[in-house]
Amino acid sequence: MPPAIVDVHSHFMPPAVAQKTAFFKAGWSDIDRHLSLMDDCGIAQSVLLYPTSDAHIQMNGWRNVCAEYNPAIANIVKAHKDRFFGAGILPFDEPKLFAQELKRIQDFDFTVISLASSYEGIYLDDDRFHQIFEFAGKNNMVIHVHSQILNPIGEERVRDPLLSPVLEYVFDVSMCLGKMMMSGTFLAYPNVKFIFAHYGGVLPLVKERFDNTYQMLRSRGFVKDLGKLPSEYFKNLYFDTSGSKSLASLNAALEITDVGHILYGSDFPANQSVAASIDVVQKAGSDNRAMARILSENSRALFSRKARQPIAEF
């Protein structure tokens, strides 16, 4: 019998926030439909993530978005405590308020902090984010990194309704991950569990190039000593499937990390083919144990308050 699935990447936009966006007004605020979809697909629990949006522009800053979004998510989790994990957001334009909002997130008993890969071109390697990582490490909270959809990398040169979401969104996740590695962020916060959406963007395709290029540049003194190959950093991170229906993508991800670091994510409601995205994991191979880990066990180990323990040091 298939395991009760845990979905680490789904979305809900409170109506008060959704109506202040350009894209998320329709279809992103129906929690009953979300629950029905979960029941139909055998999903026991889902993480509710912020999809990144332009709401802060129309709502006069992130502070006002947080004031609407975080309590609304908390109310949903409270009403359906066995079905949803909450993920809180922060007022990224006012870092001085991070500590206050982190305390509220903790009071809401959220399990996850939802971050974008960048904010107005500033990536998560920036010093302003260190207090978030320190808080997450001390309080055993997971950090999920979602692609940025406002001004992602490359959009200053190409802005296209298809090319931007297909290419630039996922490239932004990859650049974020790379900058965090180069800055020593992963070394500084070895106990923080980082989940990167979309298999880390293009990371599975460039893992070998990362190692080969690093070794070549290091031999000529063109790049600093990272202490180990880039691929050694990648294997300790977590990656979600983000609704992918590609067996090739799953197999590629398993070249950068082991089965214990891959997590099922539907990306609903952006992805409407949720059953198909589950099916590709279930049919990935004859190893039912591996299937169970990706669909359920890995996530339960991360989000269970009893089971959350520091990961191996980088």
C-alpha atoms as a PDB file:
ATOM      1  CA  MET A   1       0.000   0.000   0.000  1.00  0.00           C
ATOM      2  CA  PRO A   2       1.452   3.437  -0.919  1.00  0.00           C
ATOM      3  CA  PRO A   3       2.541   5.609   1.995  1.00  0.00           C
ATOM      4  CA  ALA A   4       0.418   8.526   3.191  1.00  0.00           C
ATOM      5  CA  ILE A   5       2.039  11.245   1.125  1.00  0.00           C
ATOM      6  CA  VAL A   6       3.504  14.466   2.506  1.00  0.00           C
ATOM      7  CA  ASP A   7       3.597  17.393   0.084  1.00  0.00           C
ATOM      8  CA  VAL A   8       6.349  19.900   0.967  1.00  0.00           C
ATOM      9  CA  HIS A   9       5.498  22.398  -1.776  1.00  0.00           C
ATOM     10  CA  SER A  10       1.923  23.633  -2.114  1.00  0.00           C
ATOM     11  CA  HIS A  11       0.426  27.100  -1.992  1.00  0.00           C
ATOM     12  CA  PHE A  12      -2.467  29.020  -0.529  1.00  0.00           C
ATOM     13  CA  MET A  13      -3.013  32.757  -0.853  1.00  0.00           C
ATOM     14  CA  PRO A  14      -5.367  34.384   1.664  1.00  0.00           C
ATOM     15  CA  PRO A  15      -7.979  36.359  -0.272  1.00  0.00           C
ATOM     16  CA  ALA A  16      -6.889  39.649   1.304  1.00  0.00           C
ATOM     17  CA  VAL A  17      -3.413  39.086  -0.129  1.00  0.00           C
ATOM     18  CA  ALA A  18      -4.410  37.382  -3.388  1.00  0.00           C
ATOM     19  CA  GLN A  19      -6.590  40.315  -4.424  1.00  0.00           C
ATOM     20  CA  LYS A  20      -3.573  42.609  -4.165  1.00  0.00           C
ATOM     21  CA  THR A  21      -1.610  40.634  -6.753  1.00  0.00           C
ATOM     22  CA  ALA A  22      -1.526  40.622 -10.531  1.00  0.00           C
ATOM     23  CA  PHE A  23      -1.550  36.839 -10.945  1.00  0.00           C
ATOM     24  CA  PHE A  24      -2.959  35.073  -7.885  1.00  0.00           C
ATOM     25  CA  LYS A  25      -6.506  36.448  -7.704  1.00  0.00           C
ATOM     26  CA  ALA A  26      -8.238  33.326  -9.063  1.00  0.00           C
ATOM     27  CA  GLY A  27      -7.755  29.727  -7.967  1.00  0.00           C
ATOM     28  CA  TRP A  28      -5.227  30.264  -5.172  1.00  0.00           C
ATOM     29  CA  SER A  29      -7.543  30.811  -2.185  1.00  0.00           C
ATOM     30  CA  ASP A  30      -9.760  27.717  -2.133  1.00  0.00           C
ATOM     31  CA  ILE A  31      -8.737  25.574   0.828  1.00  0.00           C
ATOM     32  CA  ASP A  32     -11.682  23.186   0.369  1.00  0.00           C
ATOM     33  CA  ARG A  33     -10.543  22.435  -3.164  1.00  0.00           C
ATOM     34  CA  HIS A  34      -7.034  21.939  -1.811  1.00  0.00           C
ATOM     35  CA  LEU A  35      -8.258  19.430   0.757  1.00  0.00           C
ATOM     36  CA  SER A  36     -10.334  17.605  -1.844  1.00  0.00           C
ATOM     37  CA  LEU A  37      -7.296  17.329  -4.115  1.00  0.00           C
ATOM     38  CA  MET A  38      -5.250  15.952  -1.231  1.00  0.00           C
ATOM     39  CA  ASP A  39      -7.903  13.338  -0.469  1.00  0.00           C
ATOM     40  CA  ASP A  40      -8.143  12.290  -4.106  1.00  0.00           C
ATOM     41  CA  CYS A  41      -4.361  11.889  -4.431  1.00  0.00           C
ATOM     42  CA  GLY A  42      -3.624  10.244  -1.081  1.00  0.00           C
ATOM     43  CA  ILE A  43      -1.823  13.279   0.340  1.00  0.00           C
ATOM     44  CA  ALA A  44      -2.044  13.213   4.117  1.00  0.00           C
ATOM     45  CA  GLN A  45      -0.338  16.531   4.832  1.00  0.00           C
ATOM     46  CA  SER A  46       0.832  19.570   2.869  1.00  0.00           C
ATOM     47  CA  VAL A  47       3.144  22.483   3.562  1.00  0.00           C
ATOM     48  CA  LEU A  48       1.561  25.827   2.647  1.00  0.00           C
ATOM     49  CA  LEU A  49       4.223  28.071   1.108  1.00  0.00           C
ATOM     50  CA  TYR A  50       4.157  31.660  -0.061  1.00  0.00           C
ATOM     51  CA  PRO A  51       4.468  31.549  -3.872  1.00  0.00           C
ATOM     52  CA  THR A  52       6.282  34.940  -4.035  1.00  0.00           C
ATOM     53  CA  SER A  53       4.166  37.706  -5.531  1.00  0.00           C
ATOM     54  CA  ASP A  54       3.824  41.443  -6.032  1.00  0.00           C
ATOM     55  CA  ALA A  55       1.425  41.848  -3.087  1.00  0.00           C
ATOM     56  CA  HIS A  56       3.939  43.890  -1.096  1.00  0.00           C
ATOM     57  CA  ILE A  57       3.896  46.545  -3.824  1.00  0.00           C
ATOM     58  CA  GLN A  58       0.150  47.100  -3.648  1.00  0.00           C
ATOM     59  CA  MET A  59       0.031  46.617   0.137  1.00  0.00           C
ATOM     60  CA  ASN A  60       2.713  49.240   0.849  1.00  0.00           C
ATOM     61  CA  GLY A  61       5.423  46.902   2.080  1.00  0.00           C
ATOM     62  CA  TRP A  62       6.115  43.425   3.379  1.00  0.00           C
ATOM     63  CA  ARG A  63       5.080  44.341   6.917  1.00  0.00           C
ATOM     64  CA  ASN A  64       1.463  44.610   5.802  1.00  0.00           C
ATOM     65  CA  VAL A  65       1.662  41.374   3.809  1.00  0.00           C
ATOM     66  CA  CYS A  66       2.982  39.511   6.856  1.00  0.00           C
ATOM     67  CA  ALA A  67       0.213  40.982   9.018  1.00  0.00           C
ATOM     68  CA  GLU A  68      -2.398  39.418   6.708  1.00  0.00           C
ATOM     69  CA  TYR A  69      -0.630  36.304   5.468  1.00  0.00           C
ATOM     70  CA  ASN A  70       0.893  34.709   8.562  1.00  0.00           C
ATOM     71  CA  PRO A  71      -2.265  34.825  10.759  1.00  0.00           C
ATOM     72  CA  ALA A  72      -4.376  33.524   7.855  1.00  0.00           C
ATOM     73  CA  ILE A  73      -2.075  30.534   7.390  1.00  0.00           C
ATOM     74  CA  ALA A  74      -2.054  29.970  11.160  1.00  0.00           C
ATOM     75  CA  ASN A  75      -5.860  29.865  11.167  1.00  0.00           C
ATOM     76  CA  ILE A  76      -5.898  27.256   8.389  1.00  0.00           C
ATOM     77  CA  VAL A  77      -3.354  25.096  10.212  1.00  0.00           C
ATOM     78  CA  LYS A  78      -5.369  25.408  13.421  1.00  0.00           C
ATOM     79  CA  ALA A  79      -8.590  24.442  11.659  1.00  0.00           C
ATOM     80  CA  HIS A  80      -6.941  21.483   9.884  1.00  0.00           C
ATOM     81  CA  LYS A  81      -4.089  20.659  12.251  1.00  0.00           C
ATOM     82  CA  ASP A  82      -3.629  17.135  10.911  1.00  0.00           C
ATOM     83  CA  ARG A  83      -3.511  18.228   7.259  1.00  0.00           C
ATOM     84  CA  PHE A  84      -1.292  21.295   6.935  1.00  0.00           C
ATOM     85  CA  PHE A  85       2.099  22.562   8.025  1.00  0.00           C
ATOM     86  CA  GLY A  86       2.438  26.336   8.206  1.00  0.00           C
ATOM     87  CA  ALA A  87       5.281  28.284   6.611  1.00  0.00           C
ATOM     88  CA  GLY A  88       5.737  31.873   7.684  1.00  0.00           C
ATOM     89  CA  ILE A  89       7.099  34.844   5.745  1.00  0.00           C
ATOM     90  CA  LEU A  90       9.113  37.878   6.861  1.00  0.00           C
ATOM     91  CA  PRO A  91       9.125  41.630   6.113  1.00  0.00           C
ATOM     92  CA  PHE A  92      12.155  41.538   3.857  1.00  0.00           C
ATOM     93  CA  ASP A  93      12.213  45.270   3.249  1.00  0.00           C
ATOM     94  CA  GLU A  94      12.585  45.895   7.003  1.00  0.00           C
ATOM     95  CA  PRO A  95      15.252  43.559   8.446  1.00  0.00           C
ATOM     96  CA  LYS A  96      14.962  45.305  11.808  1.00  0.00           C
ATOM     97  CA  LEU A  97      11.558  43.635  12.140  1.00  0.00           C
ATOM     98  CA  PHE A  98      12.831  40.108  11.443  1.00  0.00           C
ATOM     99  CA  ALA A  99      13.217  39.181  15.119  1.00  0.00           C
ATOM    100  CA  GLN A 100       9.698  40.338  15.951  1.00  0.00           C
ATOM    101  CA  GLU A 101       8.132  38.416  13.059  1.00  0.00           C
ATOM    102  CA  LEU A 102      10.219  35.314  13.735  1.00  0.00           C
ATOM    103  CA  LYS A 103       8.833  35.293  17.266  1.00  0.00           C
ATOM    104  CA  ARG A 104       5.293  35.518  15.854  1.00  0.00           C
ATOM    105  CA  ILE A 105       6.053  32.668  13.461  1.00  0.00           C
ATOM    106  CA  GLN A 106       7.247  30.608  16.401  1.00  0.00           C
ATOM    107  CA  ASP A 107       4.120  31.490  18.399  1.00  0.00           C
ATOM    108  CA  PHE A 108       2.001  30.316  15.453  1.00  0.00           C
ATOM    109  CA  ASP A 109       3.812  26.951  15.782  1.00  0.00           C
ATOM    110  CA  PHE A 110       4.881  27.057  12.148  1.00  0.00           C
ATOM    111  CA  THR A 111       7.303  24.391  11.025  1.00  0.00           C
ATOM    112  CA  VAL A 112       8.818  26.178   8.049  1.00  0.00           C
ATOM    113  CA  ILE A 113      10.178  29.593   7.106  1.00  0.00           C
ATOM    114  CA  SER A 114       9.305  30.350   3.485  1.00  0.00           C
ATOM    115  CA  LEU A 115      11.994  32.324   1.631  1.00  0.00           C
ATOM    116  CA  ALA A 116      12.395  33.367  -1.976  1.00  0.00           C
ATOM    117  CA  SER A 117      15.657  32.711  -3.791  1.00  0.00           C
ATOM    118  CA  SER A 118      16.256  36.478  -4.025  1.00  0.00           C
ATOM    119  CA  TYR A 119      14.673  39.802  -3.173  1.00  0.00           C
ATOM    120  CA  GLU A 120      15.220  42.653  -5.632  1.00  0.00           C
ATOM    121  CA  GLY A 121      18.443  40.985  -6.729  1.00  0.00           C
ATOM    122  CA  ILE A 122      19.688  40.303  -3.189  1.00  0.00           C
ATOM    123  CA  TYR A 123      20.356  36.603  -2.605  1.00  0.00           C
ATOM    124  CA  LEU A 124      20.235  34.631   0.618  1.00  0.00           C
ATOM    125  CA  ASP A 125      24.001  34.841   1.091  1.00  0.00           C
ATOM    126  CA  ASP A 126      23.534  38.465   2.199  1.00  0.00           C
ATOM    127  CA  ASP A 127      24.324  39.253   5.830  1.00  0.00           C
ATOM    128  CA  ARG A 128      20.779  40.412   6.544  1.00  0.00           C
ATOM    129  CA  PHE A 129      19.545  36.808   6.349  1.00  0.00           C
ATOM    130  CA  HIS A 130      21.966  35.425   8.935  1.00  0.00           C
ATOM    131  CA  GLN A 131      19.623  36.089  11.842  1.00  0.00           C
ATOM    132  CA  ILE A 132      16.961  34.018  10.086  1.00  0.00           C
ATOM    133  CA  PHE A 133      19.313  31.069   9.659  1.00  0.00           C
ATOM    134  CA  GLU A 134      20.501  31.362  13.254  1.00  0.00           C
ATOM    135  CA  PHE A 135      16.893  31.342  14.459  1.00  0.00           C
ATOM    136  CA  ALA A 136      16.021  28.354  12.273  1.00  0.00           C
ATOM    137  CA  GLY A 137      19.006  26.393  13.533  1.00  0.00           C
ATOM    138  CA  LYS A 138      18.263  27.078  17.191  1.00  0.00           C
ATOM    139  CA  ASN A 139      14.563  26.301  16.862  1.00  0.00           C
ATOM    140  CA  ASN A 140      14.716  23.311  14.490  1.00  0.00           C
ATOM    141  CA  MET A 141      12.761  25.068  11.773  1.00  0.00           C
ATOM    142  CA  VAL A 142      13.055  24.100   8.118  1.00  0.00           C
ATOM    143  CA  ILE A 143      13.815  26.752   5.502  1.00  0.00           C
ATOM    144  CA  HIS A 144      12.166  26.297   2.130  1.00  0.00           C
ATOM    145  CA  VAL A 145      13.633  28.302  -0.766  1.00  0.00           C
ATOM    146  CA  HIS A 146      11.113  29.050  -3.516  1.00  0.00           C
ATOM    147  CA  SER A 147      11.943  30.642  -6.841  1.00  0.00           C
ATOM    148  CA  GLN A 148      11.588  34.410  -7.056  1.00  0.00           C
ATOM    149  CA  ILE A 149       9.135  35.556  -9.716  1.00  0.00           C
ATOM    150  CA  LEU A 150       9.788  39.307  -9.458  1.00  0.00           C
ATOM    151  CA  ASN A 151      12.975  40.373 -11.212  1.00  0.00           C
ATOM    152  CA  PRO A 152      14.652  36.931 -11.239  1.00  0.00           C
ATOM    153  CA  ILE A 153      18.117  36.609 -12.699  1.00  0.00           C
ATOM    154  CA  GLY A 154      18.175  37.501 -16.411  1.00  0.00           C
ATOM    155  CA  GLU A 155      14.917  39.442 -16.498  1.00  0.00           C
ATOM    156  CA  GLU A 156      16.756  42.709 -16.988  1.00  0.00           C
ATOM    157  CA  ARG A 157      17.767  41.361 -20.403  1.00  0.00           C
ATOM    158  CA  VAL A 158      14.822  39.128 -21.311  1.00  0.00           C
ATOM    159  CA  ARG A 159      11.297  39.593 -19.996  1.00  0.00           C
ATOM    160  CA  ASP A 160       8.957  37.090 -21.585  1.00  0.00           C
ATOM    161  CA  PRO A 161       5.713  35.498 -20.318  1.00  0.00           C
ATOM    162  CA  LEU A 162       7.007  31.998 -21.098  1.00  0.00           C
ATOM    163  CA  LEU A 163      10.800  32.258 -20.956  1.00  0.00           C
ATOM    164  CA  SER A 164      10.881  34.033 -17.598  1.00  0.00           C
ATOM    165  CA  PRO A 165       8.952  31.381 -15.615  1.00  0.00           C
ATOM    166  CA  VAL A 166      10.504  28.438 -17.453  1.00  0.00           C
ATOM    167  CA  LEU A 167      14.125  29.566 -17.335  1.00  0.00           C
ATOM    168  CA  GLU A 168      14.715  32.596 -15.143  1.00  0.00           C
ATOM    169  CA  TYR A 169      12.729  31.426 -12.132  1.00  0.00           C
ATOM    170  CA  VAL A 170      14.680  28.188 -11.809  1.00  0.00           C
ATOM    171  CA  PHE A 171      18.014  29.830 -12.684  1.00  0.00           C
ATOM    172  CA  ASP A 172      17.393  32.152  -9.732  1.00  0.00           C
ATOM    173  CA  VAL A 173      17.148  29.140  -7.405  1.00  0.00           C
ATOM    174  CA  SER A 174      20.434  27.762  -8.762  1.00  0.00           C
ATOM    175  CA  MET A 175      22.227  31.104  -8.375  1.00  0.00           C
ATOM    176  CA  CYS A 176      20.929  31.430  -4.829  1.00  0.00           C
ATOM    177  CA  LEU A 177      22.257  28.003  -3.927  1.00  0.00           C
ATOM    178  CA  GLY A 178      25.610  28.722  -5.578  1.00  0.00           C
ATOM    179  CA  LYS A 179      26.042  32.054  -3.798  1.00  0.00           C
ATOM    180  CA  MET A 180      25.213  30.488  -0.452  1.00  0.00           C
ATOM    181  CA  MET A 181      27.898  27.879  -1.069  1.00  0.00           C
ATOM    182  CA  MET A 182      30.516  30.414  -2.180  1.00  0.00           C
ATOM    183  CA  SER A 183      29.813  32.718   0.783  1.00  0.00           C
ATOM    184  CA  GLY A 184      30.223  29.927   3.334  1.00  0.00           C
ATOM    185  CA  THR A 185      26.595  30.127   4.457  1.00  0.00           C
ATOM    186  CA  PHE A 186      26.135  26.360   4.492  1.00  0.00           C
ATOM    187  CA  LEU A 187      29.321  25.993   6.555  1.00  0.00           C
ATOM    188  CA  ALA A 188      28.188  28.650   9.006  1.00  0.00           C
ATOM    189  CA  TYR A 189      24.779  27.034   9.580  1.00  0.00           C
ATOM    190  CA  PRO A 190      25.332  23.267   9.318  1.00  0.00           C
ATOM    191  CA  ASN A 191      22.258  22.398  11.375  1.00  0.00           C
ATOM    192  CA  VAL A 192      19.767  24.264   9.204  1.00  0.00           C
ATOM    193  CA  LYS A 193      17.678  22.095   6.888  1.00  0.00           C
ATOM    194  CA  PHE A 194      17.425  23.937   3.563  1.00  0.00           C
ATOM    195  CA  ILE A 195      14.931  22.694   0.966  1.00  0.00           C
ATOM    196  CA  PHE A 196      15.406  24.061  -2.542  1.00  0.00           C
ATOM    197  CA  ALA A 197      12.486  23.934  -4.960  1.00  0.00           C
ATOM    198  CA  HIS A 198      12.589  22.491  -8.482  1.00  0.00           C
ATOM    199  CA  TYR A 199      15.467  20.108  -7.710  1.00  0.00           C
ATOM    200  CA  GLY A 200      17.696  23.128  -7.141  1.00  0.00           C
ATOM    201  CA  GLY A 201      16.925  24.524 -10.595  1.00  0.00           C
ATOM    202  CA  VAL A 202      19.547  23.466 -13.119  1.00  0.00           C
ATOM    203  CA  LEU A 203      21.840  22.050 -10.427  1.00  0.00           C
ATOM    204  CA  PRO A 204      21.458  18.383 -11.503  1.00  0.00           C
ATOM    205  CA  LEU A 205      22.658  19.340 -14.993  1.00  0.00           C
ATOM    206  CA  VAL A 206      25.722  21.297 -13.858  1.00  0.00           C
ATOM    207  CA  LYS A 207      26.941  19.274 -10.875  1.00  0.00           C
ATOM    208  CA  GLU A 208      29.821  17.757 -12.841  1.00  0.00           C
ATOM    209  CA  ARG A 209      30.687  21.126 -14.382  1.00  0.00           C
ATOM    210  CA  PHE A 210      30.767  22.665 -10.901  1.00  0.00           C
ATOM    211  CA  ASP A 211      33.366  20.136  -9.724  1.00  0.00           C
ATOM    212  CA  ASN A 212      35.482  20.129 -12.885  1.00  0.00           C
ATOM    213  CA  THR A 213      35.535  23.903 -13.209  1.00  0.00           C
ATOM    214  CA  TYR A 214      36.266  24.388  -9.525  1.00  0.00           C
ATOM    215  CA  GLN A 215      39.231  22.007  -9.691  1.00  0.00           C
ATOM    216  CA  MET A 216      40.617  23.696 -12.806  1.00  0.00           C
ATOM    217  CA  LEU A 217      40.242  27.220 -11.398  1.00  0.00           C
ATOM    218  CA  ARG A 218      41.536  26.191  -7.984  1.00  0.00           C
ATOM    219  CA  SER A 219      44.712  24.742  -9.528  1.00  0.00           C
ATOM    220  CA  ARG A 220      45.443  28.191 -10.976  1.00  0.00           C
ATOM    221  CA  GLY A 221      44.468  30.148  -7.894  1.00  0.00           C
ATOM    222  CA  PHE A 222      41.465  31.784  -9.550  1.00  0.00           C
ATOM    223  CA  VAL A 223      38.919  30.689  -6.930  1.00  0.00           C
ATOM    224  CA  LYS A 224      39.071  30.452  -3.161  1.00  0.00           C
ATOM    225  CA  ASP A 225      39.446  27.142  -1.365  1.00  0.00           C
ATOM    226  CA  LEU A 226      35.988  25.813  -0.541  1.00  0.00           C
ATOM    227  CA  GLY A 227      37.421  23.007   1.562  1.00  0.00           C
ATOM    228  CA  LYS A 228      35.780  20.359  -0.574  1.00  0.00           C
ATOM    229  CA  LEU A 229      34.213  19.920  -3.973  1.00  0.00           C
ATOM    230  CA  PRO A 230      30.961  21.767  -4.647  1.00  0.00           C
ATOM    231  CA  SER A 231      29.160  18.446  -5.019  1.00  0.00           C
ATOM    232  CA  GLU A 232      30.035  17.622  -1.408  1.00  0.00           C
ATOM    233  CA  TYR A 233      27.928  20.591  -0.319  1.00  0.00           C
ATOM    234  CA  PHE A 234      24.997  19.695  -2.557  1.00  0.00           C
ATOM    235  CA  LYS A 235      24.519  16.196  -1.202  1.00  0.00           C
ATOM    236  CA  ASN A 236      23.627  17.510   2.280  1.00  0.00           C
ATOM    237  CA  LEU A 237      20.852  19.807   1.022  1.00  0.00           C
ATOM    238  CA  TYR A 238      17.224  18.876   0.407  1.00  0.00           C
ATOM    239  CA  PHE A 239      15.394  19.243  -2.896  1.00  0.00           C
ATOM    240  CA  ASP A 240      11.714  19.001  -3.716  1.00  0.00           C
ATOM    241  CA  THR A 241      10.191  17.685  -6.919  1.00  0.00           C
ATOM    242  CA  SER A 242       7.931  20.750  -7.427  1.00  0.00           C
ATOM    243  CA  GLY A 243       5.320  18.907  -9.448  1.00  0.00           C
ATOM    244  CA  SER A 244       7.773  17.432 -11.941  1.00  0.00           C
ATOM    245  CA  LYS A 245       6.442  14.536 -13.999  1.00  0.00           C
ATOM    246  CA  SER A 246       9.853  13.693 -15.469  1.00  0.00           C
ATOM    247  CA  LEU A 247      11.585  10.480 -14.457  1.00  0.00           C
ATOM    248  CA  ALA A 248      14.778  11.823 -16.049  1.00  0.00           C
ATOM    249  CA  SER A 249      14.698  14.838 -13.716  1.00  0.00           C
ATOM    250  CA  LEU A 250      14.276  12.615 -10.675  1.00  0.00           C
ATOM    251  CA  ASN A 251      17.168  10.396 -11.754  1.00  0.00           C
ATOM    252  CA  ALA A 252      19.326  13.459 -12.388  1.00  0.00           C
ATOM    253  CA  ALA A 253      18.582  14.745  -8.897  1.00  0.00           C
ATOM    254  CA  LEU A 254      19.673  11.409  -7.473  1.00  0.00           C
ATOM    255  CA  GLU A 255      23.095  12.067  -8.985  1.00  0.00           C
ATOM    256  CA  ILE A 256      23.592  15.119  -6.763  1.00  0.00           C
ATOM    257  CA  THR A 257      22.234  13.666  -3.529  1.00  0.00           C
ATOM    258  CA  ASP A 258      20.834  10.449  -2.090  1.00  0.00           C
ATOM    259  CA  VAL A 259      17.229   9.311  -1.842  1.00  0.00           C
ATOM    260  CA  GLY A 260      17.051  10.596   1.716  1.00  0.00           C
ATOM    261  CA  HIS A 261      17.306  14.202   0.530  1.00  0.00           C
ATOM    262  CA  ILE A 262      14.601  14.202  -2.157  1.00  0.00           C
ATOM    263  CA  LEU A 263      11.110  15.292  -1.077  1.00  0.00           C
ATOM    264  CA  TYR A 264       7.827  15.143  -2.907  1.00  0.00           C
ATOM    265  CA  GLY A 265       6.273  18.519  -3.727  1.00  0.00           C
ATOM    266  CA  SER A 266       3.188  19.098  -5.868  1.00  0.00           C
ATOM    267  CA  ASP A 267       3.484  22.854  -6.573  1.00  0.00           C
ATOM    268  CA  PHE A 268      -0.328  22.951  -6.436  1.00  0.00           C
ATOM    269  CA  PRO A 269      -2.237  24.953  -7.632  1.00  0.00           C
ATOM    270  CA  ALA A 270       0.413  26.099 -10.129  1.00  0.00           C
ATOM    271  CA  ASN A 271       0.660  22.446 -11.143  1.00  0.00           C
ATOM    272  CA  GLN A 272      -2.728  20.866 -11.792  1.00  0.00           C
ATOM    273  CA  SER A 273      -1.339  17.399 -12.665  1.00  0.00           C
ATOM    274  CA  VAL A 274      -0.732  16.357  -9.086  1.00  0.00           C
ATOM    275  CA  ALA A 275      -1.602  12.673  -9.556  1.00  0.00           C
ATOM    276  CA  ALA A 276       0.863  12.404 -12.448  1.00  0.00           C
ATOM    277  CA  SER A 277       3.647  13.970 -10.378  1.00  0.00           C
ATOM    278  CA  ILE A 278       3.057  11.346  -7.679  1.00  0.00           C
ATOM    279  CA  ASP A 279       2.879   8.577 -10.232  1.00  0.00           C
ATOM    280  CA  VAL A 280       6.379   9.277 -11.571  1.00  0.00           C
ATOM    281  CA  VAL A 281       7.824   8.741  -8.089  1.00  0.00           C
ATOM    282  CA  GLN A 282       5.800   5.589  -7.513  1.00  0.00           C
ATOM    283  CA  LYS A 283       7.024   4.147 -10.809  1.00  0.00           C
ATOM    284  CA  ALA A 284      10.612   5.331 -10.490  1.00  0.00           C
ATOM    285  CA  GLY A 285      11.894   1.857  -9.734  1.00  0.00           C
ATOM    286  CA  SER A 286      11.310  -1.412  -7.969  1.00  0.00           C
ATOM    287  CA  ASP A 287      12.602  -0.088  -4.640  1.00  0.00           C
ATOM    288  CA  ASN A 288       9.411   0.533  -2.664  1.00  0.00           C
ATOM    289  CA  ARG A 289      11.452   1.711   0.310  1.00  0.00           C
ATOM    290  CA  ALA A 290      13.000   4.513  -1.768  1.00  0.00           C
ATOM    291  CA  MET A 291       9.558   5.499  -3.033  1.00  0.00           C
ATOM    292  CA  ALA A 292       8.242   5.705   0.531  1.00  0.00           C
ATOM    293  CA  ARG A 293      11.132   7.893   1.603  1.00  0.00           C
ATOM    294  CA  ILE A 294      10.587  10.427  -1.194  1.00  0.00           C
ATOM    295  CA  LEU A 295       6.808  10.533  -0.856  1.00  0.00           C
ATOM    296  CA  SER A 296       6.565  10.526   2.905  1.00  0.00           C
ATOM    297  CA  GLU A 297       9.283   9.451   5.285  1.00  0.00           C
ATOM    298  CA  ASN A 298      11.903  12.089   4.516  1.00  0.00           C
ATOM    299  CA  SER A 299       9.400  14.870   5.055  1.00  0.00           C
ATOM    300  CA  ARG A 300       8.001  13.390   8.249  1.00  0.00           C
ATOM    301  CA  ALA A 301      11.542  13.205   9.628  1.00  0.00           C
ATOM    302  CA  LEU A 302      12.061  16.899   8.870  1.00  0.00           C
ATOM    303  CA  PHE A 303       8.733  18.247  10.100  1.00  0.00           C
ATOM    304  CA  SER A 304       8.079  16.054  13.121  1.00  0.00           C
ATOM    305  CA  ARG A 305       9.082  17.942  16.256  1.00  0.00           C
ATOM    306  CA  LYS A 306      10.267  14.689  17.823  1.00  0.00           C
ATOM    307  CA  ALA A 307      12.283  13.626  14.810  1.00  0.00           C
ATOM    308  CA  ARG A 308      13.893  16.944  13.818  1.00  0.00           C
ATOM    309  CA  GLN A 309      17.590  16.588  14.590  1.00  0.00           C
ATOM    310  CA  PRO A 310      20.647  18.400  13.209  1.00  0.00           C
ATOM    311  CA  ILE A 311      21.919  17.008   9.902  1.00  0.00           C
ATOM    312  CA  ALA A 312      25.506  15.969   9.332  1.00  0.00           C
ATOM    313  CA  GLU A 313      27.968  18.853   9.201  1.00  0.00           C
ATOM    314  CA  PHE A 314      29.068  20.097   5.808  1.00  0.00           C
END
